Amino acid sequence: MVWPVPPIGDVTATFLLPGELSLIAPGRHGVAIVVTPAGLVQIAGRSREHVIRLAAEFFATVALDRLPFAVAAVIGDRTRPTERDVYQLAVVAGHTIVARCAMDPAIIAPRSLTVGGGR
């Protein structure tokens, strides 16, 4: 399977499709939106507001008749590659609700797993 070329823009948003949308076809969905075979969505635009609007239009098309869900989108500016923000995109009946997350993205791994309360 061939992975599509990511869109190019000043600002990009990246998120994984939720299980509710797992049957969305990989490939280009318009000029600025690409879905990979693994369900990773990449959106490119002129500004954060622009990529959020493009995400909302995408969800209005593909999630109109789906149960509510939320995704965490990482949005970054090409001119500041080390700075990224995380936004929660909640979708209800094809309408998108956007909230900027207060916590910086991080991978948190437990030191050890416990079974039965002991280490």
Protein backbone atom coordinates (compact mmCIF):
# COMPACT_ATOMS: atom_id res chain seq x y z
CA MET A 1 0.00 0.00 0.00
CA VAL A 2 1.32 3.43 -0.92
CA TRP A 3 1.17 6.16 1.69
CA PRO A 4 0.02 9.56 0.42
CA VAL A 5 2.38 12.53 0.40
CA PRO A 6 1.64 14.82 3.37
CA PRO A 7 0.21 18.23 2.53
CA ILE A 8 2.52 21.24 2.78
CA GLY A 9 1.55 24.44 4.57
CA ASP A 10 2.72 27.00 7.10
CA VAL A 11 0.74 25.33 9.89
CA THR A 12 -0.04 21.62 10.23
CA ALA A 13 -2.44 19.62 12.35
CA THR A 14 -1.99 15.90 12.97
CA PHE A 15 -4.32 13.47 14.73
CA LEU A 16 -5.45 9.85 14.65
CA LEU A 17 -8.91 8.96 13.45
CA PRO A 18 -11.06 7.45 16.19
CA GLY A 19 -12.46 3.94 15.80
CA GLU A 20 -15.81 5.42 14.76
CA LEU A 21 -14.15 6.65 11.55
CA SER A 22 -11.86 3.69 10.87
CA LEU A 23 -13.48 3.03 7.50
CA ILE A 24 -12.48 6.40 6.03
CA ALA A 25 -10.52 5.74 2.84
CA PRO A 26 -6.81 6.59 2.95
CA GLY A 27 -5.57 9.22 0.53
CA ARG A 28 -6.29 12.86 -0.19
CA HIS A 29 -9.51 14.39 1.08
CA GLY A 30 -9.38 17.73 -0.66
CA VAL A 31 -6.25 19.76 -1.32
CA ALA A 32 -4.99 20.12 2.24
CA ILE A 33 -6.09 16.91 4.02
CA VAL A 34 -4.43 13.50 3.83
CA VAL A 35 -5.41 10.29 5.61
CA THR A 36 -2.75 7.57 5.84
CA PRO A 37 -3.55 3.84 5.79
CA ALA A 38 -2.87 3.81 9.55
CA GLY A 39 -5.61 6.41 10.14
CA LEU A 40 -3.27 9.36 10.74
CA VAL A 41 -4.79 12.60 9.47
CA GLN A 42 -2.53 15.46 8.37
CA ILE A 43 -3.96 18.88 7.55
CA ALA A 44 -1.99 21.85 6.22
CA GLY A 45 -3.08 25.49 6.15
CA ARG A 46 -2.16 29.14 6.54
CA SER A 47 -2.86 29.47 10.28
CA ARG A 48 -4.07 27.53 13.33
CA GLU A 49 -7.56 28.85 12.74
CA HIS A 50 -7.39 27.72 9.11
CA VAL A 51 -6.37 24.12 9.91
CA ILE A 52 -9.02 23.92 12.64
CA ARG A 53 -11.63 25.15 10.14
CA LEU A 54 -10.43 22.53 7.61
CA ALA A 55 -10.69 19.82 10.30
CA ALA A 56 -14.23 21.00 11.14
CA GLU A 57 -15.21 20.83 7.45
CA PHE A 58 -13.69 17.34 7.19
CA PHE A 59 -15.64 16.14 10.24
CA ALA A 60 -18.84 17.78 8.96
CA THR A 61 -18.50 15.57 5.87
CA VAL A 62 -17.34 12.25 7.38
CA ALA A 63 -18.89 12.30 10.87
CA LEU A 64 -22.35 13.75 10.40
CA ASP A 65 -24.14 10.50 11.30
CA ARG A 66 -21.58 9.14 13.81
CA LEU A 67 -21.65 8.93 17.58
CA PRO A 68 -19.85 11.77 19.41
CA PHE A 69 -16.07 11.42 19.73
CA ALA A 70 -12.96 13.47 20.50
CA VAL A 71 -9.45 13.54 19.08
CA ALA A 72 -6.28 15.25 20.27
CA ALA A 73 -4.68 17.23 17.45
CA VAL A 74 -1.08 18.42 17.55
CA ILE A 75 -0.83 21.75 15.74
CA GLY A 76 2.47 23.36 14.87
CA ASP A 77 3.92 26.20 12.80
CA ARG A 78 6.67 25.52 10.27
CA THR A 79 8.49 28.70 11.33
CA ARG A 80 8.66 27.43 14.96
CA PRO A 81 9.31 23.68 14.60
CA THR A 82 10.02 23.10 18.30
CA GLU A 83 6.73 24.63 19.45
CA ARG A 84 3.56 22.56 19.24
CA ASP A 85 0.16 22.95 20.83
CA VAL A 86 -2.42 20.28 21.53
CA TYR A 87 -6.08 20.92 20.83
CA GLN A 88 -9.03 18.72 21.69
CA LEU A 89 -11.48 18.45 18.82
CA ALA A 90 -14.82 17.06 20.02
CA VAL A 91 -17.30 16.18 17.29
CA VAL A 92 -21.04 15.89 17.85
CA ALA A 93 -23.38 15.34 14.88
CA GLY A 94 -20.73 16.69 12.52
CA HIS A 95 -20.17 19.86 14.57
CA THR A 96 -16.67 20.45 15.96
CA ILE A 97 -15.96 21.91 19.41
CA VAL A 98 -12.37 23.07 19.86
CA ALA A 99 -10.43 23.51 23.12
CA ARG A 100 -6.73 24.22 23.56
CA CYS A 101 -5.18 21.83 26.07
CA ALA A 102 -3.22 23.32 28.95
CA MET A 103 -0.69 20.49 29.24
CA ASP A 104 2.23 20.20 26.84
CA PRO A 105 2.34 16.92 24.92
CA ALA A 106 4.28 14.26 26.82
CA ILE A 107 4.74 10.51 26.89
CA ILE A 108 4.15 9.25 30.40
CA ALA A 109 5.28 5.68 31.10
CA PRO A 110 4.80 3.88 34.41
CA ARG A 111 7.94 2.81 36.26
CA SER A 112 6.56 -0.64 36.81
CA LEU A 113 3.27 -2.42 36.52
CA THR A 114 1.68 -3.72 39.70
CA VAL A 115 -0.51 -6.77 40.19
CA GLY A 116 -2.65 -7.20 43.27
CA GLY A 117 -1.38 -4.03 44.92
CA GLY A 118 2.28 -5.17 45.17
CA ARG A 119 5.30 -4.23 43.10
